N, C-alpha and C. Protein backbone atom coordinates (compact mmCIF):
# COMPACT_ATOMS: atom_id res chain seq x y z
N MET A 1 0.80 -1.19 0.03
CA MET A 1 0.02 0.01 -0.02
C MET A 1 0.84 1.27 -0.01
N LEU A 2 2.00 1.26 0.65
CA LEU A 2 2.84 2.43 0.71
C LEU A 2 3.68 2.62 -0.51
N ASN A 3 3.99 1.51 -1.20
CA ASN A 3 4.95 1.63 -2.33
C ASN A 3 4.59 2.64 -3.29
N PRO A 4 3.34 2.76 -3.81
CA PRO A 4 3.05 3.82 -4.78
C PRO A 4 3.15 5.25 -4.18
N VAL A 5 2.79 5.37 -2.95
CA VAL A 5 2.85 6.69 -2.29
C VAL A 5 4.33 7.16 -2.12
N VAL A 6 5.17 6.24 -1.65
CA VAL A 6 6.57 6.55 -1.45
C VAL A 6 7.24 6.83 -2.83
N GLY A 7 6.88 6.09 -3.84
CA GLY A 7 7.40 6.34 -5.15
C GLY A 7 7.07 7.70 -5.70
N GLU A 8 5.78 8.13 -5.42
CA GLU A 8 5.33 9.44 -5.85
C GLU A 8 6.08 10.50 -5.12
N ILE A 9 6.28 10.33 -3.79
CA ILE A 9 7.01 11.29 -3.05
C ILE A 9 8.43 11.45 -3.54
N ALA A 10 9.07 10.29 -3.87
CA ALA A 10 10.44 10.33 -4.39
C ALA A 10 10.52 11.09 -5.69
N ARG A 11 9.57 10.83 -6.62
CA ARG A 11 9.55 11.54 -7.88
C ARG A 11 9.33 13.02 -7.74
N GLU A 12 8.40 13.37 -6.92
CA GLU A 12 8.05 14.77 -6.71
C GLU A 12 9.08 15.57 -5.96
N ASN A 13 9.99 14.88 -5.21
CA ASN A 13 10.97 15.52 -4.39
C ASN A 13 12.41 15.15 -4.78
N ALA A 14 12.61 14.76 -6.02
CA ALA A 14 13.96 14.36 -6.47
C ALA A 14 14.97 15.45 -6.12
N GLY A 15 16.05 15.09 -5.49
CA GLY A 15 17.08 15.98 -5.09
C GLY A 15 16.95 16.60 -3.72
N LYS A 16 15.69 16.49 -3.12
CA LYS A 16 15.46 16.98 -1.82
C LYS A 16 15.65 15.91 -0.75
N PHE A 17 15.21 14.70 -1.01
CA PHE A 17 15.26 13.62 -0.10
C PHE A 17 15.85 12.39 -0.84
N ALA A 18 16.56 11.57 -0.17
CA ALA A 18 16.98 10.27 -0.65
C ALA A 18 16.02 9.25 -0.07
N ILE A 19 15.38 8.46 -0.91
CA ILE A 19 14.38 7.48 -0.43
C ILE A 19 14.79 6.10 -0.97
N ALA A 20 14.84 5.17 -0.07
CA ALA A 20 15.26 3.75 -0.36
C ALA A 20 14.25 2.83 0.23
N LYS A 21 14.15 1.66 -0.42
CA LYS A 21 13.26 0.62 0.04
C LYS A 21 14.09 -0.62 0.28
N VAL A 22 13.85 -1.31 1.41
CA VAL A 22 14.60 -2.49 1.74
C VAL A 22 13.66 -3.62 1.92
N ASN A 23 13.90 -4.75 1.31
CA ASN A 23 13.13 -5.95 1.53
C ASN A 23 13.68 -6.66 2.78
N VAL A 24 12.98 -6.70 3.80
CA VAL A 24 13.53 -7.28 5.05
C VAL A 24 13.74 -8.81 4.97
N ASP A 25 13.02 -9.47 4.03
CA ASP A 25 13.23 -10.90 3.83
C ASP A 25 14.59 -11.16 3.19
N GLU A 26 15.02 -10.23 2.35
CA GLU A 26 16.28 -10.36 1.62
C GLU A 26 17.43 -9.73 2.39
N SER A 27 17.15 -8.87 3.33
CA SER A 27 18.16 -8.16 4.12
C SER A 27 17.84 -8.20 5.59
N PRO A 28 17.79 -9.38 6.19
CA PRO A 28 17.40 -9.48 7.61
C PRO A 28 18.30 -8.71 8.56
N GLY A 29 19.55 -8.48 8.15
CA GLY A 29 20.47 -7.72 9.04
C GLY A 29 20.02 -6.27 9.22
N VAL A 30 19.45 -5.72 8.19
CA VAL A 30 19.01 -4.29 8.19
C VAL A 30 17.85 -4.23 9.19
N SER A 31 16.88 -5.13 9.05
CA SER A 31 15.73 -5.07 9.95
C SER A 31 16.17 -5.32 11.41
N GLU A 32 17.13 -6.14 11.64
CA GLU A 32 17.63 -6.47 12.97
C GLU A 32 18.32 -5.22 13.50
N LYS A 33 19.15 -4.62 12.70
CA LYS A 33 19.92 -3.43 13.19
C LYS A 33 18.99 -2.32 13.67
N PHE A 34 17.89 -2.08 12.95
CA PHE A 34 17.01 -0.97 13.23
C PHE A 34 15.75 -1.41 14.01
N GLY A 35 15.66 -2.63 14.40
CA GLY A 35 14.54 -3.07 15.24
C GLY A 35 13.22 -3.09 14.51
N VAL A 36 13.21 -3.40 13.22
CA VAL A 36 11.98 -3.46 12.46
C VAL A 36 11.28 -4.76 12.77
N ARG A 37 10.10 -4.68 13.38
CA ARG A 37 9.32 -5.85 13.76
C ARG A 37 8.00 -5.97 13.04
N SER A 38 7.59 -4.89 12.38
CA SER A 38 6.27 -4.87 11.69
C SER A 38 6.49 -4.22 10.35
N ILE A 39 5.64 -4.64 9.45
CA ILE A 39 5.67 -4.06 8.06
C ILE A 39 4.30 -3.47 7.78
N PRO A 40 4.26 -2.25 7.26
CA PRO A 40 5.37 -1.41 6.82
C PRO A 40 5.95 -0.60 7.98
N THR A 41 7.21 -0.36 7.89
CA THR A 41 7.91 0.55 8.82
C THR A 41 8.69 1.55 7.98
N LEU A 42 8.58 2.79 8.34
CA LEU A 42 9.40 3.83 7.70
C LEU A 42 10.41 4.36 8.69
N LEU A 43 11.65 4.48 8.25
CA LEU A 43 12.70 5.04 9.04
C LEU A 43 13.10 6.34 8.40
N PHE A 44 13.28 7.35 9.14
CA PHE A 44 13.68 8.69 8.65
C PHE A 44 15.04 9.03 9.22
N PHE A 45 15.98 9.33 8.30
CA PHE A 45 17.39 9.63 8.66
C PHE A 45 17.74 11.03 8.33
N LYS A 46 18.65 11.57 9.05
CA LYS A 46 19.34 12.84 8.70
C LYS A 46 20.77 12.68 9.08
N ALA A 47 21.65 13.03 8.09
CA ALA A 47 23.08 12.92 8.26
C ALA A 47 23.47 11.51 8.77
N GLY A 48 22.85 10.46 8.27
CA GLY A 48 23.18 9.13 8.57
C GLY A 48 22.64 8.62 9.90
N GLU A 49 21.91 9.46 10.61
CA GLU A 49 21.37 9.02 11.94
C GLU A 49 19.84 8.97 11.92
N LYS A 50 19.34 7.88 12.44
CA LYS A 50 17.91 7.68 12.48
C LYS A 50 17.27 8.71 13.46
N ARG A 51 16.32 9.43 12.91
CA ARG A 51 15.72 10.54 13.62
C ARG A 51 14.24 10.26 13.95
N ASP A 52 13.56 9.38 13.17
CA ASP A 52 12.13 9.16 13.35
C ASP A 52 11.83 7.78 12.79
N GLN A 53 10.76 7.18 13.29
CA GLN A 53 10.34 5.89 12.79
C GLN A 53 8.83 5.77 12.96
N THR A 54 8.15 5.18 11.92
CA THR A 54 6.74 4.93 12.02
C THR A 54 6.44 3.49 11.67
N VAL A 55 5.33 3.03 12.18
CA VAL A 55 4.90 1.67 11.90
C VAL A 55 3.46 1.77 11.40
N GLY A 56 3.12 1.12 10.34
CA GLY A 56 1.77 1.20 9.80
C GLY A 56 1.71 2.11 8.59
N VAL A 57 0.58 2.15 7.96
CA VAL A 57 0.35 2.97 6.73
C VAL A 57 0.13 4.42 7.12
N LEU A 58 0.85 5.30 6.47
CA LEU A 58 0.63 6.74 6.70
C LEU A 58 0.21 7.35 5.33
N GLY A 59 -0.45 8.42 5.44
CA GLY A 59 -0.79 9.15 4.21
C GLY A 59 0.32 9.96 3.66
N LYS A 60 0.25 10.33 2.39
CA LYS A 60 1.34 11.06 1.72
C LYS A 60 1.65 12.39 2.46
N ALA A 61 0.66 13.12 2.87
CA ALA A 61 0.93 14.40 3.53
C ALA A 61 1.68 14.20 4.83
N GLU A 62 1.40 13.15 5.60
CA GLU A 62 2.12 12.92 6.83
C GLU A 62 3.57 12.47 6.62
N ILE A 63 3.80 11.69 5.61
CA ILE A 63 5.17 11.23 5.28
C ILE A 63 5.99 12.53 4.84
N VAL A 64 5.41 13.34 3.96
CA VAL A 64 6.14 14.54 3.53
C VAL A 64 6.33 15.46 4.76
N ARG A 65 5.35 15.63 5.60
CA ARG A 65 5.56 16.46 6.81
C ARG A 65 6.74 15.94 7.63
N ARG A 66 6.82 14.65 7.83
CA ARG A 66 7.96 14.07 8.66
C ARG A 66 9.26 14.31 7.99
N LEU A 67 9.29 14.17 6.62
CA LEU A 67 10.54 14.43 5.91
C LEU A 67 10.97 15.90 6.01
N GLN A 68 10.04 16.78 5.89
CA GLN A 68 10.34 18.21 5.95
C GLN A 68 10.71 18.59 7.36
N ALA A 69 10.19 17.94 8.39
CA ALA A 69 10.54 18.23 9.77
C ALA A 69 12.06 17.95 10.06
N LEU A 70 12.61 17.12 9.27
CA LEU A 70 14.03 16.73 9.47
C LEU A 70 14.91 17.93 9.06
N GLY A 71 14.32 18.80 8.19
CA GLY A 71 14.97 20.05 7.66
C GLY A 71 16.39 20.09 7.68
């Protein structure tokens, strides 16, 4: 459910944010490192440091708001 929304945000904000998707089944070390226990989980980073995390489906406006809050 989030994939199309996140893709749209990435296209609309090219150059502003770096957005990546990780398949936790293929990369279990990543999910373990960041404590991902539920899908979908969004992690928000600034300067390589995790600053925010959400679990569950969020709307586009809320995701963009959280990205902009990292400023």
